[in-house]
């Protein structure tokens, strides 16, 4: 069947959605990269379905509504990466693990609902570094955290919110600490945070 052949050709557009739900199945973050679920109502129904099918299982992969879903839970958060049914789960798992590990570093291993809600800007930046328009760009959490810190610095402080400044400081302090640990005795100061001129 010619139609099947066309549909199964490999595509750069490998991620259909990245979702984070809390332990009641409520949406904390959702980014859809195509029109599989065009309306918010359809998206919420899909999220409810996905949560009910996965929140009590230990496996990492589910097939749901013709889609491949890889997921991970931590404390009171559920992370999902959604791909098509013929998508390579290994690539989806790489995205999932990269997102989780990046957040774990940025939140100092405190990957739970409250910490995430206080650092949503960092989450938005991290997801954008990993996936762009459904295309996987990065699967190395060190690169993601590094770029998020750089992007946080690019915005003039007068235009940043208090949360953005604290996110930048948090990420920056993490990276500095990471490199100090990696280098042992040598201390590297990667970034200097300047307060705005008055």
N, C-alpha and C. Protein backbone atom coordinates (compact mmCIF):
# COMPACT_ATOMS: atom_id res chain seq x y z
N UNK A 1 0.85 -1.18 0.00
CA UNK A 1 0.00 0.00 0.00
C UNK A 1 0.89 1.24 0.00
N UNK A 2 0.75 2.07 -1.03
CA UNK A 2 1.60 3.25 -1.17
C UNK A 2 1.42 4.23 0.00
N UNK A 3 0.19 4.36 0.47
CA UNK A 3 -0.08 5.29 1.57
C UNK A 3 0.70 4.90 2.83
N UNK A 4 0.71 3.59 3.15
CA UNK A 4 1.44 3.11 4.33
C UNK A 4 2.92 3.43 4.20
N UNK A 5 3.46 3.24 3.01
CA UNK A 5 4.88 3.49 2.78
C UNK A 5 5.22 4.95 3.06
N UNK A 6 4.37 5.84 2.59
CA UNK A 6 4.60 7.27 2.80
C UNK A 6 4.58 7.59 4.29
N UNK A 7 3.59 7.05 4.99
CA UNK A 7 3.45 7.34 6.42
C UNK A 7 4.61 6.79 7.24
N UNK A 8 5.20 5.69 6.81
CA UNK A 8 6.24 5.05 7.61
C UNK A 8 7.64 5.55 7.28
N UNK A 9 7.74 6.44 6.29
CA UNK A 9 9.06 7.00 6.01
C UNK A 9 9.55 7.78 7.23
N UNK A 10 10.86 7.65 7.55
CA UNK A 10 11.35 8.36 8.73
C UNK A 10 11.17 9.87 8.58
N UNK A 11 10.86 10.51 9.66
CA UNK A 11 10.62 11.94 9.64
C UNK A 11 11.44 12.60 10.74
N UNK A 12 11.87 13.83 10.48
CA UNK A 12 12.54 14.59 11.53
C UNK A 12 11.57 14.95 12.65
N UNK A 13 10.28 15.04 12.29
CA UNK A 13 9.28 15.46 13.27
C UNK A 13 8.90 14.26 14.12
N UNK A 14 9.64 14.04 15.17
CA UNK A 14 9.49 12.79 15.91
C UNK A 14 8.69 12.93 17.20
N UNK A 15 8.55 14.14 17.72
CA UNK A 15 7.85 14.33 18.99
C UNK A 15 6.52 15.03 18.72
N UNK A 16 5.43 14.42 19.19
CA UNK A 16 4.11 15.03 19.02
C UNK A 16 3.74 15.92 20.21
N UNK A 17 4.22 15.55 21.39
CA UNK A 17 3.89 16.35 22.57
C UNK A 17 4.85 16.05 23.72
N UNK A 18 5.06 17.07 24.56
CA UNK A 18 5.76 16.90 25.83
C UNK A 18 4.79 17.38 26.91
N UNK A 19 4.54 16.52 27.90
CA UNK A 19 3.53 16.82 28.92
C UNK A 19 4.11 16.60 30.32
N UNK A 20 3.70 17.44 31.25
CA UNK A 20 3.99 17.19 32.67
C UNK A 20 2.68 17.36 33.41
N UNK A 21 2.27 16.31 34.12
CA UNK A 21 1.03 16.33 34.90
C UNK A 21 1.38 16.14 36.37
N UNK A 22 0.49 16.63 37.25
CA UNK A 22 0.73 16.38 38.67
C UNK A 22 0.10 15.04 39.07
N UNK A 23 0.17 14.71 40.36
CA UNK A 23 -0.29 13.37 40.75
C UNK A 23 -1.81 13.25 40.83
N UNK A 24 -2.53 14.31 40.45
CA UNK A 24 -3.98 14.21 40.25
C UNK A 24 -4.31 14.17 38.76
N UNK A 25 -3.26 14.17 37.92
CA UNK A 25 -3.48 14.15 36.48
C UNK A 25 -3.76 15.52 35.89
N UNK A 26 -3.56 16.58 36.70
CA UNK A 26 -3.79 17.94 36.21
C UNK A 26 -2.57 18.43 35.44
N UNK A 27 -2.81 19.18 34.38
CA UNK A 27 -1.74 19.67 33.53
C UNK A 27 -0.93 20.77 34.23
N UNK A 28 0.40 20.58 34.28
CA UNK A 28 1.30 21.62 34.73
C UNK A 28 2.00 22.25 33.53
N UNK A 29 2.27 21.40 32.53
CA UNK A 29 2.93 21.87 31.32
C UNK A 29 2.50 20.97 30.17
N UNK A 30 2.21 21.57 29.03
CA UNK A 30 1.88 20.78 27.84
C UNK A 30 2.30 21.55 26.61
N UNK A 31 3.02 20.88 25.74
CA UNK A 31 3.38 21.49 24.45
C UNK A 31 3.11 20.45 23.38
N UNK A 32 2.19 20.77 22.47
CA UNK A 32 1.84 19.90 21.36
C UNK A 32 2.48 20.44 20.09
N UNK A 33 3.09 19.53 19.31
CA UNK A 33 3.85 19.97 18.15
C UNK A 33 3.13 19.72 16.82
N UNK A 34 1.97 19.10 16.86
CA UNK A 34 1.19 18.95 15.62
C UNK A 34 -0.29 19.04 15.96
N UNK A 35 -1.14 18.78 14.98
CA UNK A 35 -2.57 18.97 15.22
C UNK A 35 -3.31 17.65 15.47
N UNK A 36 -2.61 16.66 16.05
CA UNK A 36 -3.28 15.41 16.42
C UNK A 36 -4.45 15.70 17.37
N UNK A 37 -4.21 16.61 18.32
CA UNK A 37 -5.27 17.06 19.25
C UNK A 37 -5.38 18.58 19.12
N UNK A 38 -6.18 19.05 18.14
CA UNK A 38 -6.18 20.48 17.81
C UNK A 38 -6.79 21.39 18.87
N UNK A 39 -7.75 20.90 19.65
CA UNK A 39 -8.39 21.79 20.63
C UNK A 39 -7.93 21.46 22.04
N UNK A 40 -8.05 22.45 22.92
CA UNK A 40 -7.68 22.26 24.33
C UNK A 40 -8.53 21.14 24.94
N UNK A 41 -9.80 21.09 24.55
CA UNK A 41 -10.70 20.05 25.06
C UNK A 41 -10.19 18.65 24.71
N UNK A 42 -9.76 18.47 23.45
CA UNK A 42 -9.23 17.17 23.02
C UNK A 42 -7.91 16.86 23.72
N UNK A 43 -7.10 17.89 23.90
CA UNK A 43 -5.83 17.69 24.60
C UNK A 43 -6.06 17.24 26.03
N UNK A 44 -6.97 17.92 26.72
CA UNK A 44 -7.25 17.58 28.12
C UNK A 44 -7.81 16.16 28.24
N UNK A 45 -8.67 15.77 27.27
CA UNK A 45 -9.23 14.41 27.28
C UNK A 45 -8.12 13.39 27.08
N UNK A 46 -7.18 13.67 26.17
CA UNK A 46 -6.03 12.79 25.94
C UNK A 46 -5.18 12.70 27.21
N UNK A 47 -4.94 13.83 27.86
CA UNK A 47 -4.12 13.85 29.07
C UNK A 47 -4.79 13.05 30.20
N UNK A 48 -6.09 13.16 30.29
CA UNK A 48 -6.82 12.39 31.31
C UNK A 48 -6.69 10.89 31.03
N UNK A 49 -6.83 10.52 29.76
CA UNK A 49 -6.71 9.13 29.34
C UNK A 49 -5.30 8.59 29.61
N UNK A 50 -4.32 9.37 29.23
CA UNK A 50 -2.93 8.96 29.38
C UNK A 50 -2.59 8.77 30.86
N UNK A 51 -3.09 9.69 31.70
CA UNK A 51 -2.81 9.60 33.14
C UNK A 51 -3.48 8.36 33.74
N UNK A 52 -4.74 8.12 33.38
CA UNK A 52 -5.45 6.97 33.95
C UNK A 52 -4.80 5.64 33.55
N UNK A 53 -4.20 5.61 32.35
CA UNK A 53 -3.57 4.38 31.87
C UNK A 53 -2.16 4.15 32.44
N UNK A 54 -1.52 5.22 32.90
CA UNK A 54 -0.10 5.09 33.26
C UNK A 54 0.24 5.33 34.73
N UNK A 55 -0.60 6.02 35.49
CA UNK A 55 -0.13 6.47 36.80
C UNK A 55 0.02 5.35 37.83
N UNK A 56 -0.47 4.16 37.52
CA UNK A 56 -0.28 3.05 38.48
C UNK A 56 0.63 1.97 37.97
N UNK A 57 1.28 2.20 36.85
CA UNK A 57 2.14 1.15 36.29
C UNK A 57 3.60 1.52 36.45
N UNK A 58 4.46 0.50 36.41
CA UNK A 58 5.90 0.74 36.55
C UNK A 58 6.62 0.78 35.22
N UNK A 59 5.92 0.42 34.15
CA UNK A 59 6.60 0.37 32.85
C UNK A 59 6.89 1.79 32.36
N UNK A 60 7.70 1.88 31.31
CA UNK A 60 8.10 3.20 30.80
C UNK A 60 7.41 3.54 29.48
N UNK A 61 6.78 2.55 28.85
CA UNK A 61 6.24 2.76 27.50
C UNK A 61 4.80 2.29 27.44
N UNK A 62 3.95 3.07 26.79
CA UNK A 62 2.55 2.67 26.59
C UNK A 62 2.14 2.99 25.16
N UNK A 63 1.24 2.18 24.62
CA UNK A 63 0.62 2.49 23.33
C UNK A 63 -0.79 2.98 23.63
N UNK A 64 -1.13 4.13 23.12
CA UNK A 64 -2.40 4.74 23.47
C UNK A 64 -2.91 5.57 22.30
N UNK A 65 -4.16 5.30 21.89
CA UNK A 65 -4.79 6.06 20.80
C UNK A 65 -3.90 6.11 19.56
N UNK A 66 -3.22 5.00 19.29
CA UNK A 66 -2.36 4.94 18.10
C UNK A 66 -1.04 5.68 18.25
N UNK A 67 -0.68 6.05 19.48
CA UNK A 67 0.55 6.79 19.73
C UNK A 67 1.45 6.02 20.69
N UNK A 68 2.74 6.27 20.59
CA UNK A 68 3.69 5.70 21.55
C UNK A 68 3.97 6.75 22.62
N UNK A 69 3.79 6.37 23.86
CA UNK A 69 4.00 7.30 24.97
C UNK A 69 5.07 6.73 25.89
N UNK A 70 6.12 7.50 26.12
CA UNK A 70 7.11 7.10 27.12
C UNK A 70 6.94 8.03 28.31
N UNK A 71 7.14 7.49 29.52
CA UNK A 71 6.85 8.30 30.69
C UNK A 71 7.69 7.91 31.89
N UNK A 72 7.72 8.83 32.82
CA UNK A 72 8.50 8.66 34.06
C UNK A 72 7.77 9.45 35.14
N UNK A 73 7.73 8.90 36.34
CA UNK A 73 7.13 9.65 37.44
C UNK A 73 8.18 9.93 38.51
N UNK A 74 7.99 11.03 39.22
CA UNK A 74 8.90 11.38 40.31
C UNK A 74 8.13 12.17 41.36
N UNK A 75 8.03 11.63 42.55
CA UNK A 75 7.32 12.25 43.68
C UNK A 75 5.88 12.57 43.28
N UNK A 76 5.60 13.83 42.91
CA UNK A 76 4.22 14.19 42.54
C UNK A 76 4.13 14.71 41.11
N UNK A 77 5.06 14.27 40.25
CA UNK A 77 5.06 14.69 38.85
C UNK A 77 5.10 13.49 37.91
N UNK A 78 4.42 13.63 36.77
CA UNK A 78 4.46 12.62 35.72
C UNK A 78 4.92 13.30 34.43
N UNK A 79 5.98 12.77 33.84
CA UNK A 79 6.56 13.33 32.61
C UNK A 79 6.23 12.41 31.44
N UNK A 80 5.77 12.98 30.33
CA UNK A 80 5.40 12.19 29.15
C UNK A 80 6.01 12.78 27.88
N UNK A 81 6.51 11.90 27.02
CA UNK A 81 6.89 12.30 25.67
C UNK A 81 6.08 11.43 24.72
N UNK A 82 5.33 12.08 23.83
CA UNK A 82 4.41 11.38 22.93
C UNK A 82 4.96 11.39 21.51
N UNK A 83 4.98 10.22 20.88
CA UNK A 83 5.41 10.11 19.49
C UNK A 83 4.41 9.28 18.71
N UNK A 84 4.61 9.14 17.41
CA UNK A 84 3.69 8.33 16.62
C UNK A 84 3.91 6.85 16.93
N UNK A 85 2.98 5.99 16.50
CA UNK A 85 3.05 4.57 16.85
C UNK A 85 4.26 3.89 16.25
N UNK A 86 4.79 4.42 15.13
CA UNK A 86 5.97 3.79 14.54
C UNK A 86 7.26 4.51 14.92
N UNK A 87 7.17 5.41 15.90
CA UNK A 87 8.36 6.14 16.35
C UNK A 87 9.26 5.20 17.15
N UNK A 88 10.55 5.43 17.03
CA UNK A 88 11.54 4.67 17.78
C UNK A 88 11.48 5.11 19.25
N UNK A 89 11.10 4.17 20.14
CA UNK A 89 10.94 4.53 21.56
C UNK A 89 12.25 5.01 22.17
N UNK A 90 13.37 4.51 21.63
CA UNK A 90 14.67 4.89 22.18
C UNK A 90 14.88 6.40 22.06
N UNK A 91 14.47 6.96 20.91
CA UNK A 91 14.61 8.42 20.73
C UNK A 91 13.69 9.17 21.69
N UNK A 92 12.47 8.68 21.84
CA UNK A 92 11.54 9.34 22.77
C UNK A 92 12.04 9.25 24.20
N UNK A 93 12.60 8.09 24.57
CA UNK A 93 13.15 7.93 25.93
C UNK A 93 14.35 8.85 26.14
N UNK A 94 15.14 9.07 25.09
CA UNK A 94 16.29 9.98 25.20
C UNK A 94 15.81 11.40 25.50
N UNK A 95 14.70 11.82 24.85
CA UNK A 95 14.11 13.14 25.11
C UNK A 95 13.61 13.21 26.55
N UNK A 96 12.89 12.17 26.96
CA UNK A 96 12.33 12.12 28.32
C UNK A 96 13.43 12.22 29.37
N UNK A 97 14.47 11.39 29.20
CA UNK A 97 15.55 11.37 30.18
C UNK A 97 16.34 12.68 30.18
N UNK A 98 16.52 13.27 29.00
CA UNK A 98 17.23 14.55 28.91
C UNK A 98 16.45 15.63 29.65
N UNK A 99 15.13 15.68 29.43
CA UNK A 99 14.30 16.68 30.11
C UNK A 99 14.36 16.48 31.62
N UNK A 100 14.18 15.24 32.06
CA UNK A 100 14.17 14.97 33.50
C UNK A 100 15.52 15.31 34.13
N UNK A 101 16.60 14.87 33.49
CA UNK A 101 17.94 15.12 34.04
C UNK A 101 18.29 16.60 34.04
N UNK A 102 17.86 17.32 32.99
CA UNK A 102 18.11 18.77 32.95
C UNK A 102 17.39 19.46 34.11
N UNK A 103 16.12 19.10 34.31
CA UNK A 103 15.35 19.70 35.41
C UNK A 103 15.94 19.32 36.76
N UNK A 104 16.38 18.07 36.87
CA UNK A 104 16.98 17.59 38.12
C UNK A 104 18.20 18.45 38.47
N UNK A 105 19.00 18.77 37.48
CA UNK A 105 20.18 19.62 37.72
C UNK A 105 19.75 21.05 38.05
N UNK A 106 18.82 21.58 37.27
CA UNK A 106 18.39 22.96 37.48
C UNK A 106 17.68 23.15 38.83
N UNK A 107 16.96 22.12 39.26
CA UNK A 107 16.21 22.20 40.52
C UNK A 107 16.97 21.54 41.68
N UNK A 108 18.26 21.27 41.45
CA UNK A 108 19.11 20.64 42.47
C UNK A 108 18.49 19.35 43.00
N UNK A 109 18.10 18.51 42.09
CA UNK A 109 17.51 17.19 42.36
C UNK A 109 16.14 17.25 43.05
N UNK A 110 15.61 18.44 43.21
CA UNK A 110 14.33 18.60 43.88
C UNK A 110 13.22 18.65 42.83
N UNK A 111 13.05 17.54 42.09
CA UNK A 111 12.08 17.53 40.99
C UNK A 111 10.70 17.19 41.54
N UNK A 112 10.01 18.21 42.01
CA UNK A 112 8.65 18.02 42.51
C UNK A 112 7.83 19.25 42.14
N UNK A 113 6.53 19.14 42.33
CA UNK A 113 5.57 20.12 41.80
C UNK A 113 5.89 21.56 42.20
N UNK A 114 6.11 21.77 43.48
CA UNK A 114 6.29 23.15 43.96
C UNK A 114 7.54 23.78 43.35
N UNK A 115 8.65 23.03 43.35
CA UNK A 115 9.90 23.56 42.79
C UNK A 115 9.75 23.85 41.30
N UNK A 116 9.02 22.96 40.61
CA UNK A 116 8.82 23.15 39.17
C UNK A 116 7.99 24.41 38.90
N UNK A 117 6.91 24.59 39.66
CA UNK A 117 6.05 25.76 39.47
C UNK A 117 6.81 27.06 39.73
N UNK A 118 7.79 27.02 40.63
CA UNK A 118 8.58 28.22 40.93
C UNK A 118 9.64 28.49 39.86
N UNK A 119 9.85 27.52 38.97
CA UNK A 119 10.91 27.65 37.96
C UNK A 119 10.41 27.32 36.56
N UNK A 120 9.19 27.79 36.25
CA UNK A 120 8.59 27.46 34.96
C UNK A 120 9.39 28.03 33.78
N UNK A 121 9.99 29.22 33.96
CA UNK A 121 10.78 29.79 32.86
C UNK A 121 11.91 28.86 32.46
N UNK A 122 12.57 28.29 33.47
CA UNK A 122 13.65 27.34 33.19
C UNK A 122 13.15 26.12 32.45
N UNK A 123 11.95 25.65 32.82
CA UNK A 123 11.34 24.51 32.13
C UNK A 123 11.06 24.86 30.67
N UNK A 124 10.45 26.03 30.42
CA UNK A 124 10.14 26.44 29.04
C UNK A 124 11.41 26.49 28.19
N UNK A 125 12.47 27.10 28.74
CA UNK A 125 13.73 27.21 28.01
C UNK A 125 14.33 25.83 27.75
N UNK A 126 14.27 24.95 28.75
CA UNK A 126 14.86 23.61 28.61
C UNK A 126 14.15 22.82 27.52
N UNK A 127 12.82 22.83 27.53
CA UNK A 127 12.07 22.08 26.51
C UNK A 127 12.41 22.62 25.12
N UNK A 128 12.51 23.94 25.00
CA UNK A 128 12.83 24.54 23.69
C UNK A 128 14.23 24.17 23.22
N UNK A 129 15.14 23.91 24.14
CA UNK A 129 16.49 23.48 23.76
C UNK A 129 16.50 22.02 23.30
N UNK A 130 15.57 21.22 23.85
CA UNK A 130 15.56 19.78 23.55
C UNK A 130 14.76 19.48 22.28
N UNK A 131 13.58 20.10 22.15
CA UNK A 131 12.70 19.84 21.01
C UNK A 131 12.27 21.17 20.40
N UNK A 132 12.35 21.26 19.08
CA UNK A 132 11.88 22.47 18.39
C UNK A 132 10.95 22.06 17.26
N UNK A 133 9.69 22.42 17.38
CA UNK A 133 8.72 22.08 16.34
C UNK A 133 8.55 20.58 16.13
N UNK A 134 8.82 19.80 17.17
CA UNK A 134 8.71 18.34 17.06
C UNK A 134 10.02 17.67 16.68
N UNK A 135 11.03 18.47 16.33
CA UNK A 135 12.34 17.92 15.95
C UNK A 135 13.23 17.86 17.19
N UNK A 136 13.87 16.70 17.41
CA UNK A 136 14.76 16.54 18.56
C UNK A 136 16.09 17.24 18.24
N UNK A 137 16.45 18.21 19.08
CA UNK A 137 17.68 18.97 18.88
C UNK A 137 18.81 18.50 19.77
N UNK A 138 18.47 18.09 20.99
CA UNK A 138 19.52 17.83 21.98
C UNK A 138 19.09 16.73 22.93
N UNK A 139 20.03 15.85 23.29
CA UNK A 139 19.70 14.82 24.29
C UNK A 139 20.73 14.77 25.40
N UNK A 140 21.61 15.78 25.45
CA UNK A 140 22.62 15.85 26.51
C UNK A 140 22.20 16.90 27.53
N UNK A 141 21.83 16.48 28.74
CA UNK A 141 21.34 17.44 29.74
C UNK A 141 22.37 18.52 30.10
N UNK A 142 23.68 18.20 30.06
CA UNK A 142 24.69 19.23 30.38
C UNK A 142 24.61 20.38 29.39
N UNK A 143 24.43 20.04 28.10
CA UNK A 143 24.31 21.07 27.07
C UNK A 143 23.05 21.92 27.29
N UNK A 144 21.96 21.24 27.64
CA UNK A 144 20.69 21.95 27.86
C UNK A 144 20.82 22.94 29.01
N UNK A 145 21.35 22.48 30.14
CA UNK A 145 21.48 23.34 31.32
C UNK A 145 22.41 24.52 31.01
N UNK A 146 23.49 24.24 30.30
CA UNK A 146 24.44 25.29 29.92
C UNK A 146 23.76 26.35 29.05
N UNK A 147 22.99 25.90 28.05
CA UNK A 147 22.34 26.86 27.14
C UNK A 147 21.23 27.63 27.83
N UNK A 148 20.51 26.98 28.73
CA UNK A 148 19.46 27.68 29.48
C UNK A 148 20.08 28.81 30.30
N UNK A 149 21.22 28.55 30.92
CA UNK A 149 21.90 29.58 31.71
C UNK A 149 22.33 30.74 30.81
N UNK A 150 22.87 30.42 29.64
CA UNK A 150 23.30 31.46 28.71
C UNK A 150 22.12 32.29 28.23
N UNK A 151 21.01 31.61 27.91
CA UNK A 151 19.83 32.33 27.41
C UNK A 151 19.24 33.20 28.50
N UNK A 152 19.29 32.74 29.73
CA UNK A 152 18.81 33.54 30.86
C UNK A 152 19.62 34.82 30.99
N UNK A 153 20.93 34.75 30.67
CA UNK A 153 21.79 35.92 30.76
C UNK A 153 21.57 36.91 29.64
N UNK A 154 21.07 36.45 28.49
CA UNK A 154 20.90 37.31 27.33
C UNK A 154 19.83 38.39 27.52
N UNK A 155 18.90 38.13 28.43
CA UNK A 155 17.79 39.08 28.63
C UNK A 155 18.26 40.17 29.59
N UNK A 156 18.11 41.46 29.22
CA UNK A 156 18.49 42.54 30.16
C UNK A 156 17.70 42.40 31.46
N UNK A 157 18.37 42.66 32.58
CA UNK A 157 17.71 42.43 33.87
C UNK A 157 16.47 43.28 34.07
N UNK A 158 16.45 44.47 33.47
CA UNK A 158 15.27 45.32 33.63
C UNK A 158 14.03 44.66 33.04
N UNK A 159 14.24 43.74 32.05
CA UNK A 159 13.10 43.10 31.40
C UNK A 159 12.78 41.74 32.01
N UNK A 160 13.59 41.31 32.96
CA UNK A 160 13.35 39.99 33.54
C UNK A 160 12.44 40.09 34.76
N UNK A 161 11.68 39.02 34.96
CA UNK A 161 10.88 38.95 36.19
C UNK A 161 11.79 38.47 37.31
N UNK A 162 11.32 38.62 38.53
CA UNK A 162 12.07 38.12 39.69
C UNK A 162 12.34 36.63 39.53
N UNK A 163 11.32 35.89 39.05
CA UNK A 163 11.49 34.44 38.89
C UNK A 163 12.58 34.13 37.88
N UNK A 164 12.62 34.89 36.76
CA UNK A 164 13.64 34.65 35.75
C UNK A 164 15.03 34.88 36.32
N UNK A 165 15.16 35.96 37.11
CA UNK A 165 16.47 36.25 37.70
C UNK A 165 16.87 35.13 38.64
N UNK A 166 15.92 34.67 39.48
CA UNK A 166 16.26 33.59 40.41
C UNK A 166 16.54 32.30 39.67
N UNK A 167 15.82 32.05 38.53
CA UNK A 167 16.08 30.85 37.73
C UNK A 167 17.49 30.91 37.17
N UNK A 168 17.86 32.08 36.64
CA UNK A 168 19.20 32.24 36.08
C UNK A 168 20.25 32.03 37.17
N UNK A 169 20.02 32.63 38.33
CA UNK A 169 20.98 32.47 39.43
C UNK A 169 21.08 31.01 39.85
N UNK A 170 19.93 30.33 39.90
CA UNK A 170 19.90 28.92 40.29
C UNK A 170 20.68 28.07 39.30
N UNK A 171 20.40 28.27 38.01
CA UNK A 171 21.08 27.49 36.98
C UNK A 171 22.57 27.81 36.98
N UNK A 172 22.90 29.10 37.11
CA UNK A 172 24.30 29.52 37.10
C UNK A 172 25.04 28.90 38.27
N UNK A 173 24.45 28.97 39.45
CA UNK A 173 25.13 28.41 40.62
C UNK A 173 25.30 26.91 40.47
N UNK A 174 24.30 26.26 39.85
CA UNK A 174 24.44 24.81 39.62
C UNK A 174 25.62 24.53 38.71
N UNK A 175 25.70 25.28 37.57
CA UNK A 175 26.76 25.01 36.59
C UNK A 175 28.13 25.27 37.23
N UNK A 176 28.25 26.37 37.97
CA UNK A 176 29.53 26.66 38.63
C UNK A 176 29.90 25.52 39.57
N UNK A 177 28.92 25.08 40.37
CA UNK A 177 29.17 23.97 41.31
C UNK A 177 29.56 22.71 40.56
N UNK A 178 28.86 22.46 39.43
CA UNK A 178 29.15 21.26 38.65
C UNK A 178 30.59 21.27 38.16
N UNK A 179 31.02 22.42 37.60
CA UNK A 179 32.38 22.48 37.07
C UNK A 179 33.42 22.45 38.17
N UNK A 180 33.11 23.02 39.33
CA UNK A 180 34.05 22.96 40.46
C UNK A 180 34.25 21.50 40.86
N UNK A 181 33.14 20.75 40.94
CA UNK A 181 33.24 19.32 41.28
C UNK A 181 34.04 18.58 40.22
N UNK A 182 33.76 18.86 38.94
CA UNK A 182 34.45 18.17 37.85
C UNK A 182 35.95 18.47 37.86
N UNK A 183 36.30 19.70 38.21
CA UNK A 183 37.70 20.10 38.11
C UNK A 183 38.47 19.86 39.40
N UNK A 184 37.79 19.47 40.46
CA UNK A 184 38.49 19.22 41.72
C UNK A 184 39.00 20.51 42.32
N UNK A 185 40.34 20.68 42.30
CA UNK A 185 40.94 21.83 43.00
C UNK A 185 40.77 23.15 42.24
N UNK A 186 40.62 23.07 40.89
CA UNK A 186 40.52 24.34 40.16
C UNK A 186 39.11 24.89 40.26
N UNK A 187 39.02 26.17 40.50
CA UNK A 187 37.72 26.82 40.61
C UNK A 187 37.48 27.65 39.36
N UNK A 188 36.36 27.42 38.70
CA UNK A 188 36.04 28.18 37.50
C UNK A 188 34.81 29.03 37.79
N UNK A 189 34.92 30.31 37.62
CA UNK A 189 33.74 31.16 37.71
C UNK A 189 33.26 31.38 36.28
N UNK A 190 32.12 30.76 35.96
CA UNK A 190 31.64 30.81 34.58
C UNK A 190 30.89 32.09 34.28
N UNK A 191 30.07 32.52 35.22
CA UNK A 191 29.22 33.67 34.96
C UNK A 191 29.29 34.63 36.14
N UNK A 192 29.19 35.89 35.87
CA UNK A 192 29.06 36.88 36.93
C UNK A 192 27.70 37.53 36.76
N UNK A 193 26.93 37.54 37.82
CA UNK A 193 25.61 38.17 37.74
C UNK A 193 25.75 39.63 38.17
N UNK A 194 25.38 40.54 37.26
CA UNK A 194 25.44 41.96 37.59
C UNK A 194 24.05 42.45 37.95
N UNK A 195 23.97 43.25 39.00
CA UNK A 195 22.68 43.85 39.29
C UNK A 195 22.53 45.08 38.38
N UNK A 196 21.28 45.38 37.99
CA UNK A 196 21.09 46.50 37.04
C UNK A 196 21.57 47.82 37.63
N UNK A 197 22.10 48.67 36.75
CA UNK A 197 22.57 50.00 37.18
C UNK A 197 21.38 50.84 37.61
N UNK A 198 21.55 51.56 38.68
CA UNK A 198 20.45 52.44 39.11
C UNK A 198 20.78 53.87 38.73
